[in-house]
Amino acid sequence: MDINYKKCAINCVGGDTLKQYKKQFDECNQDFDLLFSRDTGDKDFYRRIIEPGHIYETGYPRCICWQNDDSKDKCECSRQAIIYLYSQLLPNSEITVETIQTVRMGGESCRFRIILGKQL
C-alpha cells in the first residue's frame, strides 16, 4: 500500500499544533536556538540544541501517532510532521529530519535529529 506520509503529517499537525508552534516561535523572536532552549512544560516532549544554529533534536518517550496500529511506517509520518512544522516556521531554509530511533522500531523513545541547512 502506497501511503502519502506528507499528506498524513499535514492532516495531523497542520491545524492547532502548527498554530501553537508558530506562537511559540514568535514568542522567541523567531530564534530557533531560543525555541529549542525553551522549556516546553510537557514532560512527554523535549527539544534540545546539539549544534547552535544548525543541529537540533526532538522527541518523546512513546509513540504519539493517533492511528491505532503497530505499523513502523507511522514513524515516517512523524518524521514528515516534524519536517512540515519546522519548514512552516522557516520557509526559506533547507530542513532535513533524520530518525534516530522510534519505539515502534525497538527504541526506548522516539528521537529525531533536525538539521538546518542553507537559506533557499
N, C-alpha and C. Protein backbone atom coordinates (compact mmCIF):
# COMPACT_ATOMS: atom_id res chain seq x y z
N MET A 1 0.83 -1.17 0.00
CA MET A 1 0.00 0.00 0.00
C MET A 1 0.89 1.25 0.00
N ASP A 2 0.64 2.17 -0.92
CA ASP A 2 1.40 3.39 -1.04
C ASP A 2 0.72 4.49 -0.22
N ILE A 3 1.39 4.96 0.82
CA ILE A 3 0.82 5.97 1.70
C ILE A 3 1.56 7.29 1.47
N ASN A 4 0.81 8.38 1.37
CA ASN A 4 1.40 9.69 1.24
C ASN A 4 1.63 10.23 2.66
N TYR A 5 2.84 10.02 3.18
CA TYR A 5 3.15 10.39 4.56
C TYR A 5 3.12 11.89 4.77
N LYS A 6 3.51 12.65 3.77
CA LYS A 6 3.48 14.11 3.90
C LYS A 6 2.04 14.58 4.10
N LYS A 7 1.11 14.06 3.31
CA LYS A 7 -0.30 14.44 3.44
C LYS A 7 -0.84 14.03 4.81
N CYS A 8 -0.49 12.83 5.25
CA CYS A 8 -0.90 12.35 6.57
C CYS A 8 -0.37 13.28 7.66
N ALA A 9 0.89 13.67 7.54
CA ALA A 9 1.51 14.55 8.53
C ALA A 9 0.84 15.91 8.58
N ILE A 10 0.55 16.48 7.41
CA ILE A 10 -0.09 17.80 7.36
C ILE A 10 -1.48 17.72 7.98
N ASN A 11 -2.21 16.64 7.69
CA ASN A 11 -3.53 16.46 8.30
C ASN A 11 -3.43 16.35 9.82
N CYS A 12 -2.35 15.76 10.30
CA CYS A 12 -2.18 15.54 11.74
C CYS A 12 -1.78 16.82 12.48
N VAL A 13 -0.84 17.58 11.94
CA VAL A 13 -0.28 18.72 12.68
C VAL A 13 -0.55 20.08 12.04
N GLY A 14 -1.26 20.11 10.94
CA GLY A 14 -1.45 21.35 10.20
C GLY A 14 -2.41 22.35 10.83
N GLY A 15 -3.14 21.96 11.85
CA GLY A 15 -4.12 22.86 12.48
C GLY A 15 -3.60 23.50 13.75
N ASP A 16 -4.14 23.04 14.88
CA ASP A 16 -3.80 23.62 16.18
C ASP A 16 -2.32 23.47 16.54
N THR A 17 -1.74 22.33 16.19
CA THR A 17 -0.32 22.11 16.52
C THR A 17 0.54 23.15 15.81
N LEU A 18 0.29 23.38 14.54
CA LEU A 18 1.05 24.38 13.80
C LEU A 18 0.84 25.77 14.39
N LYS A 19 -0.37 26.10 14.75
CA LYS A 19 -0.65 27.41 15.37
C LYS A 19 0.14 27.57 16.66
N GLN A 20 0.18 26.51 17.45
CA GLN A 20 0.92 26.54 18.72
C GLN A 20 2.42 26.73 18.47
N TYR A 21 2.97 26.01 17.49
CA TYR A 21 4.39 26.15 17.16
C TYR A 21 4.70 27.56 16.68
N LYS A 22 3.84 28.11 15.82
CA LYS A 22 4.07 29.47 15.31
C LYS A 22 4.03 30.48 16.45
N LYS A 23 3.11 30.31 17.38
CA LYS A 23 3.01 31.20 18.54
C LYS A 23 4.28 31.15 19.37
N GLN A 24 4.75 29.94 19.66
CA GLN A 24 5.98 29.78 20.44
C GLN A 24 7.18 30.39 19.71
N PHE A 25 7.24 30.16 18.40
CA PHE A 25 8.35 30.68 17.60
C PHE A 25 8.35 32.21 17.60
N ASP A 26 7.18 32.80 17.47
CA ASP A 26 7.07 34.26 17.52
C ASP A 26 7.44 34.79 18.89
N GLU A 27 7.04 34.09 19.95
CA GLU A 27 7.40 34.49 21.31
C GLU A 27 8.92 34.44 21.52
N CYS A 28 9.60 33.63 20.73
CA CYS A 28 11.06 33.51 20.81
C CYS A 28 11.75 34.40 19.77
N ASN A 29 11.02 35.39 19.27
CA ASN A 29 11.54 36.31 18.25
C ASN A 29 12.09 35.58 17.03
N GLN A 30 11.44 34.49 16.68
CA GLN A 30 11.79 33.65 15.53
C GLN A 30 13.25 33.19 15.58
N ASP A 31 13.69 32.87 16.78
CA ASP A 31 15.05 32.38 17.03
C ASP A 31 14.95 30.89 17.34
N PHE A 32 15.46 30.06 16.44
CA PHE A 32 15.38 28.61 16.58
C PHE A 32 16.09 28.13 17.84
N ASP A 33 17.26 28.71 18.14
CA ASP A 33 18.00 28.30 19.34
C ASP A 33 17.20 28.62 20.60
N LEU A 34 16.58 29.77 20.63
CA LEU A 34 15.77 30.16 21.79
C LEU A 34 14.56 29.23 21.91
N LEU A 35 13.94 28.92 20.78
CA LEU A 35 12.80 27.99 20.78
C LEU A 35 13.20 26.64 21.37
N PHE A 36 14.36 26.13 20.96
CA PHE A 36 14.79 24.81 21.42
C PHE A 36 15.36 24.81 22.83
N SER A 37 15.69 25.97 23.36
CA SER A 37 16.17 26.01 24.74
C SER A 37 15.04 26.30 25.72
N ARG A 38 13.88 26.61 25.17
CA ARG A 38 12.71 26.94 25.99
C ARG A 38 12.08 25.68 26.58
N ASP A 39 11.69 25.76 27.84
CA ASP A 39 11.00 24.65 28.50
C ASP A 39 9.61 24.51 27.88
N THR A 40 9.30 23.33 27.39
CA THR A 40 8.01 23.10 26.75
C THR A 40 6.89 22.94 27.77
N GLY A 41 7.24 22.63 29.01
CA GLY A 41 6.22 22.39 30.02
C GLY A 41 5.55 21.03 29.87
N ASP A 42 6.02 20.24 28.95
CA ASP A 42 5.44 18.93 28.66
C ASP A 42 6.49 17.86 28.96
N LYS A 43 6.25 17.07 30.01
CA LYS A 43 7.24 16.05 30.38
C LYS A 43 7.37 14.94 29.35
N ASP A 44 6.41 14.84 28.44
CA ASP A 44 6.45 13.80 27.41
C ASP A 44 6.99 14.29 26.08
N PHE A 45 7.65 15.44 26.08
CA PHE A 45 8.17 16.01 24.85
C PHE A 45 9.42 16.81 25.18
N TYR A 46 10.44 16.70 24.34
CA TYR A 46 11.63 17.51 24.60
C TYR A 46 12.20 18.04 23.28
N ARG A 47 12.95 19.11 23.42
CA ARG A 47 13.72 19.69 22.33
C ARG A 47 15.07 20.06 22.92
N ARG A 48 16.12 19.87 22.15
CA ARG A 48 17.43 20.32 22.62
C ARG A 48 18.32 20.70 21.45
N ILE A 49 19.26 21.54 21.77
CA ILE A 49 20.22 22.03 20.78
C ILE A 49 21.44 21.12 20.80
N ILE A 50 21.82 20.62 19.64
CA ILE A 50 23.04 19.82 19.52
C ILE A 50 24.19 20.73 19.06
N GLU A 51 23.95 21.50 18.02
CA GLU A 51 24.91 22.47 17.49
C GLU A 51 24.14 23.75 17.18
N PRO A 52 24.33 24.82 17.96
CA PRO A 52 23.55 26.04 17.78
C PRO A 52 23.51 26.51 16.33
N GLY A 53 22.30 26.88 15.91
CA GLY A 53 22.11 27.39 14.57
C GLY A 53 22.12 26.34 13.47
N HIS A 54 22.27 25.05 13.85
CA HIS A 54 22.42 24.05 12.81
C HIS A 54 21.75 22.70 13.11
N ILE A 55 22.03 22.09 14.27
CA ILE A 55 21.54 20.75 14.55
C ILE A 55 20.77 20.73 15.87
N TYR A 56 19.60 20.10 15.83
CA TYR A 56 18.70 20.04 16.98
C TYR A 56 18.17 18.62 17.12
N GLU A 57 17.58 18.34 18.26
CA GLU A 57 16.95 17.03 18.46
C GLU A 57 15.61 17.25 19.16
N THR A 58 14.64 16.45 18.78
CA THR A 58 13.34 16.48 19.41
C THR A 58 12.85 15.06 19.60
N GLY A 59 11.95 14.86 20.54
CA GLY A 59 11.44 13.51 20.74
C GLY A 59 10.44 13.41 21.86
N TYR A 60 10.01 12.18 22.06
CA TYR A 60 9.01 11.87 23.07
C TYR A 60 9.20 10.42 23.49
N PRO A 61 8.78 10.06 24.73
CA PRO A 61 9.08 8.74 25.27
C PRO A 61 8.23 7.60 24.71
N ARG A 62 7.18 7.94 23.98
CA ARG A 62 6.31 6.90 23.43
C ARG A 62 5.79 7.37 22.08
N CYS A 63 5.24 6.48 21.34
CA CYS A 63 4.66 6.83 20.05
C CYS A 63 3.41 7.68 20.30
N ILE A 64 3.31 8.81 19.62
CA ILE A 64 2.16 9.68 19.80
C ILE A 64 1.23 9.68 18.58
N CYS A 65 1.47 8.77 17.68
CA CYS A 65 0.62 8.67 16.49
C CYS A 65 -0.79 8.27 16.90
N TRP A 66 -1.78 8.96 16.40
CA TRP A 66 -3.18 8.71 16.77
C TRP A 66 -3.73 7.45 16.12
N GLN A 67 -3.06 6.94 15.09
CA GLN A 67 -3.57 5.75 14.42
C GLN A 67 -3.29 4.53 15.27
N ASN A 68 -4.26 3.66 15.37
CA ASN A 68 -4.23 2.55 16.31
C ASN A 68 -3.70 1.26 15.69
N ASP A 69 -2.51 1.28 15.17
CA ASP A 69 -1.92 0.03 14.71
C ASP A 69 -0.43 0.06 15.05
N ASP A 70 0.23 -1.04 14.86
CA ASP A 70 1.63 -1.15 15.23
C ASP A 70 2.59 -0.95 14.07
N SER A 71 2.11 -0.34 13.01
CA SER A 71 2.93 -0.17 11.81
C SER A 71 4.15 0.71 12.08
N LYS A 72 5.30 0.22 11.69
CA LYS A 72 6.52 1.01 11.80
C LYS A 72 6.50 2.17 10.82
N ASP A 73 5.66 2.09 9.81
CA ASP A 73 5.55 3.16 8.83
C ASP A 73 5.06 4.45 9.45
N LYS A 74 4.34 4.38 10.55
CA LYS A 74 3.84 5.58 11.20
C LYS A 74 4.99 6.47 11.65
N CYS A 75 6.16 5.90 11.83
CA CYS A 75 7.34 6.68 12.22
C CYS A 75 7.73 7.63 11.09
N GLU A 76 7.50 7.24 9.86
CA GLU A 76 7.76 8.14 8.74
C GLU A 76 6.76 9.29 8.75
N CYS A 77 5.55 9.03 9.15
CA CYS A 77 4.56 10.10 9.28
C CYS A 77 5.02 11.11 10.33
N SER A 78 5.56 10.64 11.44
CA SER A 78 6.07 11.54 12.48
C SER A 78 7.24 12.38 11.95
N ARG A 79 8.13 11.75 11.21
CA ARG A 79 9.26 12.48 10.63
C ARG A 79 8.76 13.56 9.67
N GLN A 80 7.78 13.21 8.85
CA GLN A 80 7.23 14.18 7.92
C GLN A 80 6.51 15.32 8.66
N ALA A 81 5.88 15.02 9.78
CA ALA A 81 5.21 16.05 10.58
C ALA A 81 6.23 17.05 11.11
N ILE A 82 7.37 16.58 11.55
CA ILE A 82 8.43 17.45 12.05
C ILE A 82 8.96 18.31 10.91
N ILE A 83 9.19 17.71 9.76
CA ILE A 83 9.64 18.47 8.59
C ILE A 83 8.63 19.57 8.27
N TYR A 84 7.37 19.21 8.24
CA TYR A 84 6.32 20.18 7.90
C TYR A 84 6.28 21.33 8.91
N LEU A 85 6.24 21.02 10.20
CA LEU A 85 6.15 22.06 11.22
C LEU A 85 7.31 23.06 11.12
N TYR A 86 8.53 22.55 11.06
CA TYR A 86 9.67 23.46 11.06
C TYR A 86 9.87 24.15 9.72
N SER A 87 9.45 23.53 8.64
CA SER A 87 9.54 24.21 7.34
C SER A 87 8.51 25.35 7.26
N GLN A 88 7.43 25.24 8.03
CA GLN A 88 6.46 26.34 8.10
C GLN A 88 7.01 27.51 8.92
N LEU A 89 7.84 27.20 9.91
CA LEU A 89 8.46 28.25 10.71
C LEU A 89 9.60 28.93 9.96
N LEU A 90 10.35 28.15 9.20
CA LEU A 90 11.50 28.66 8.45
C LEU A 90 11.35 28.30 6.97
N PRO A 91 10.41 28.94 6.28
CA PRO A 91 10.09 28.54 4.91
C PRO A 91 11.22 28.75 3.91
N ASN A 92 12.20 29.56 4.24
CA ASN A 92 13.30 29.82 3.30
C ASN A 92 14.57 29.08 3.67
N SER A 93 14.45 28.06 4.51
CA SER A 93 15.61 27.28 4.93
C SER A 93 15.46 25.83 4.50
N GLU A 94 16.58 25.22 4.22
CA GLU A 94 16.61 23.79 3.93
C GLU A 94 16.56 23.05 5.27
N ILE A 95 15.58 22.14 5.42
CA ILE A 95 15.42 21.41 6.68
C ILE A 95 15.44 19.91 6.40
N THR A 96 16.31 19.22 7.11
CA THR A 96 16.40 17.76 7.00
C THR A 96 16.07 17.18 8.36
N VAL A 97 15.27 16.12 8.38
CA VAL A 97 14.95 15.43 9.63
C VAL A 97 15.34 13.97 9.49
N GLU A 98 16.17 13.52 10.41
CA GLU A 98 16.62 12.13 10.43
C GLU A 98 15.99 11.42 11.63
N THR A 99 15.54 10.20 11.42
CA THR A 99 15.03 9.39 12.51
C THR A 99 16.22 8.76 13.23
N ILE A 100 16.35 9.03 14.52
CA ILE A 100 17.42 8.44 15.32
C ILE A 100 16.95 7.09 15.84
N GLN A 101 15.77 7.08 16.45
CA GLN A 101 15.16 5.83 16.92
C GLN A 101 13.68 6.07 17.16
N THR A 102 12.92 5.00 17.14
CA THR A 102 11.49 5.09 17.47
C THR A 102 11.11 3.87 18.31
N VAL A 103 10.06 4.04 19.07
CA VAL A 103 9.57 2.95 19.90
C VAL A 103 9.11 1.79 19.01
N ARG A 104 8.40 2.11 17.94
CA ARG A 104 7.89 1.06 17.05
C ARG A 104 8.99 0.32 16.31
N MET A 105 10.18 0.92 16.28
CA MET A 105 11.32 0.25 15.65
C MET A 105 12.23 -0.39 16.69
N GLY A 106 11.75 -0.45 17.96
CA GLY A 106 12.50 -1.12 19.01
C GLY A 106 13.32 -0.20 19.90
N GLY A 107 13.25 1.10 19.69
CA GLY A 107 13.99 2.05 20.51
C GLY A 107 13.31 2.30 21.85
N GLU A 108 14.03 2.96 22.75
CA GLU A 108 13.49 3.30 24.06
C GLU A 108 12.56 4.50 24.00
N SER A 109 12.70 5.31 22.95
CA SER A 109 11.88 6.51 22.77
C SER A 109 11.87 6.86 21.28
N CYS A 110 11.14 7.89 20.94
CA CYS A 110 11.13 8.40 19.57
C CYS A 110 12.02 9.64 19.56
N ARG A 111 13.08 9.60 18.75
CA ARG A 111 14.03 10.71 18.70
C ARG A 111 14.32 11.06 17.24
N PHE A 112 14.35 12.36 16.96
CA PHE A 112 14.58 12.84 15.61
C PHE A 112 15.61 13.96 15.64
N ARG A 113 16.52 13.94 14.67
CA ARG A 113 17.53 15.00 14.51
C ARG A 113 17.06 15.95 13.42
N ILE A 114 17.11 17.23 13.71
CA ILE A 114 16.71 18.27 12.77
C ILE A 114 17.96 19.02 12.37
N ILE A 115 18.19 19.11 11.06
CA ILE A 115 19.37 19.79 10.55
C ILE A 115 18.92 20.97 9.71
N LEU A 116 19.32 22.16 10.12
CA LEU A 116 19.03 23.37 9.34
C LEU A 116 20.18 23.58 8.37
N GLY A 117 19.83 23.67 7.11
CA GLY A 117 20.84 23.91 6.08
C GLY A 117 20.83 25.35 5.65
N LYS A 118 21.24 25.54 4.45
CA LYS A 118 21.37 26.89 3.89
C LYS A 118 20.01 27.53 3.64
N GLN A 119 20.02 28.83 3.52
CA GLN A 119 18.82 29.57 3.15
C GLN A 119 18.52 29.28 1.67
N LEU A 120 17.28 29.06 1.35
CA LEU A 120 16.88 28.80 -0.03
C LEU A 120 16.64 30.09 -0.78
